């Protein structure tokens, strides 16, 4: 379960509760894992960090392809 951060798709919470649910997808199955607030806070920080790193990596790989303009076509 070393790369389990990749399968997290979101978080859910019921107002007034100390428990948050982590939504994890594995293949066809979706799991809801309850976490106490302090553990949720740590996991959410790691999740945001991973998403930020993925977006930065995506932007770096996307830049070389921005030079082609679809409206101008190929000359």
C-alpha atoms as a PDB file:
ATOM      1  CA  UNK A   1       0.000   0.000   0.000  1.00  0.00           C
ATOM      2  CA  UNK A   2       2.958   2.281  -0.694  1.00  0.00           C
ATOM      3  CA  UNK A   3       1.211   4.311  -3.390  1.00  0.00           C
ATOM      4  CA  UNK A   4      -2.163   4.504  -1.654  1.00  0.00           C
ATOM      5  CA  UNK A   5      -2.199   8.314  -1.866  1.00  0.00           C
ATOM      6  CA  UNK A   6      -2.923   7.944  -5.604  1.00  0.00           C
ATOM      7  CA  UNK A   7      -6.235   6.181  -5.065  1.00  0.00           C
ATOM      8  CA  UNK A   8      -7.753   8.837  -2.785  1.00  0.00           C
ATOM      9  CA  UNK A   9     -10.538  10.596  -4.670  1.00  0.00           C
ATOM     10  CA  UNK A  10     -11.871  12.853  -1.935  1.00  0.00           C
ATOM     11  CA  UNK A  11     -13.073  13.460   1.571  1.00  0.00           C
ATOM     12  CA  UNK A  12     -16.521  13.702   3.122  1.00  0.00           C
ATOM     13  CA  UNK A  13     -17.750  15.036   6.454  1.00  0.00           C
ATOM     14  CA  UNK A  14     -20.976  15.248   8.420  1.00  0.00           C
ATOM     15  CA  UNK A  15     -21.378  18.555  10.236  1.00  0.00           C
ATOM     16  CA  UNK A  16     -20.846  18.295  13.979  1.00  0.00           C
ATOM     17  CA  UNK A  17     -18.924  15.039  13.795  1.00  0.00           C
ATOM     18  CA  UNK A  18     -15.297  14.495  14.784  1.00  0.00           C
ATOM     19  CA  UNK A  19     -14.938  11.894  12.047  1.00  0.00           C
ATOM     20  CA  UNK A  20     -14.115  12.542   8.399  1.00  0.00           C
ATOM     21  CA  UNK A  21     -14.378   9.910   5.676  1.00  0.00           C
ATOM     22  CA  UNK A  22     -11.625   9.315   3.170  1.00  0.00           C
ATOM     23  CA  UNK A  23     -12.956   8.051  -0.165  1.00  0.00           C
ATOM     24  CA  UNK A  24     -10.595   5.533  -1.732  1.00  0.00           C
ATOM     25  CA  UNK A  25     -11.023   3.731  -5.051  1.00  0.00           C
ATOM     26  CA  UNK A  26      -9.396   0.375  -5.769  1.00  0.00           C
ATOM     27  CA  UNK A  27     -10.402  -1.050  -9.124  1.00  0.00           C
ATOM     28  CA  UNK A  28     -14.207  -1.277  -9.169  1.00  0.00           C
ATOM     29  CA  UNK A  29     -14.547  -0.844  -5.412  1.00  0.00           C
ATOM     30  CA  UNK A  30     -14.967   2.376  -3.460  1.00  0.00           C
ATOM     31  CA  UNK A  31     -14.142   2.433   0.239  1.00  0.00           C
ATOM     32  CA  UNK A  32     -15.095   4.937   2.920  1.00  0.00           C
ATOM     33  CA  UNK A  33     -12.551   4.978   5.732  1.00  0.00           C
ATOM     34  CA  UNK A  34     -13.401   7.002   8.854  1.00  0.00           C
ATOM     35  CA  UNK A  35     -10.632   9.170  10.325  1.00  0.00           C
ATOM     36  CA  UNK A  36     -10.498  11.296  13.440  1.00  0.00           C
ATOM     37  CA  UNK A  37      -9.948  14.977  12.737  1.00  0.00           C
ATOM     38  CA  UNK A  38      -6.194  15.122  13.565  1.00  0.00           C
ATOM     39  CA  UNK A  39      -5.464  12.194  11.249  1.00  0.00           C
ATOM     40  CA  UNK A  40      -7.667  13.720   8.554  1.00  0.00           C
ATOM     41  CA  UNK A  41      -5.745  16.995   8.792  1.00  0.00           C
ATOM     42  CA  UNK A  42      -2.398  15.208   8.246  1.00  0.00           C
ATOM     43  CA  UNK A  43      -3.713  13.079   5.383  1.00  0.00           C
ATOM     44  CA  UNK A  44      -5.385  16.072   3.715  1.00  0.00           C
ATOM     45  CA  UNK A  45      -2.116  18.037   3.847  1.00  0.00           C
ATOM     46  CA  UNK A  46      -0.289  15.134   2.179  1.00  0.00           C
ATOM     47  CA  UNK A  47      -3.075  14.809  -0.389  1.00  0.00           C
ATOM     48  CA  UNK A  48      -2.929  18.520  -1.285  1.00  0.00           C
ATOM     49  CA  UNK A  49       0.854  18.347  -1.573  1.00  0.00           C
ATOM     50  CA  UNK A  50       0.648  15.369  -3.942  1.00  0.00           C
ATOM     51  CA  UNK A  51      -2.006  17.073  -6.089  1.00  0.00           C
ATOM     52  CA  UNK A  52       0.116  20.244  -6.270  1.00  0.00           C
ATOM     53  CA  UNK A  53       3.168  18.224  -7.353  1.00  0.00           C
ATOM     54  CA  UNK A  54       1.111  16.433 -10.019  1.00  0.00           C
ATOM     55  CA  UNK A  55      -0.220  19.721 -11.400  1.00  0.00           C
ATOM     56  CA  UNK A  56       3.261  21.223 -11.572  1.00  0.00           C
ATOM     57  CA  UNK A  57       4.542  18.134 -13.358  1.00  0.00           C
ATOM     58  CA  UNK A  58       1.630  18.281 -15.807  1.00  0.00           C
ATOM     59  CA  UNK A  59       2.292  21.953 -16.578  1.00  0.00           C
ATOM     60  CA  UNK A  60       5.965  21.257 -17.292  1.00  0.00           C
ATOM     61  CA  UNK A  61       5.073  18.530 -19.789  1.00  0.00           C
ATOM     62  CA  UNK A  62       2.300  20.606 -21.377  1.00  0.00           C
ATOM     63  CA  UNK A  63       4.404  23.702 -22.217  1.00  0.00           C
ATOM     64  CA  UNK A  64       6.199  22.381 -25.360  1.00  0.00           C
ATOM     65  CA  UNK A  65       2.831  21.694 -27.010  1.00  0.00           C
ATOM     66  CA  UNK A  66       1.421  25.189 -26.478  1.00  0.00           C
ATOM     67  CA  UNK A  67       3.322  26.586 -29.483  1.00  0.00           C
ATOM     68  CA  UNK A  68       0.870  24.934 -31.908  1.00  0.00           C
ATOM     69  CA  UNK A  69      -2.247  27.025 -32.459  1.00  0.00           C
ATOM     70  CA  UNK A  70      -5.247  25.079 -33.782  1.00  0.00           C
ATOM     71  CA  UNK A  71      -6.831  28.181 -35.354  1.00  0.00           C
ATOM     72  CA  UNK A  72      -3.767  28.902 -37.510  1.00  0.00           C
ATOM     73  CA  UNK A  73      -3.431  25.350 -38.772  1.00  0.00           C
ATOM     74  CA  UNK A  74      -0.329  23.786 -40.239  1.00  0.00           C
ATOM     75  CA  UNK A  75       1.545  25.899 -42.785  1.00  0.00           C
END
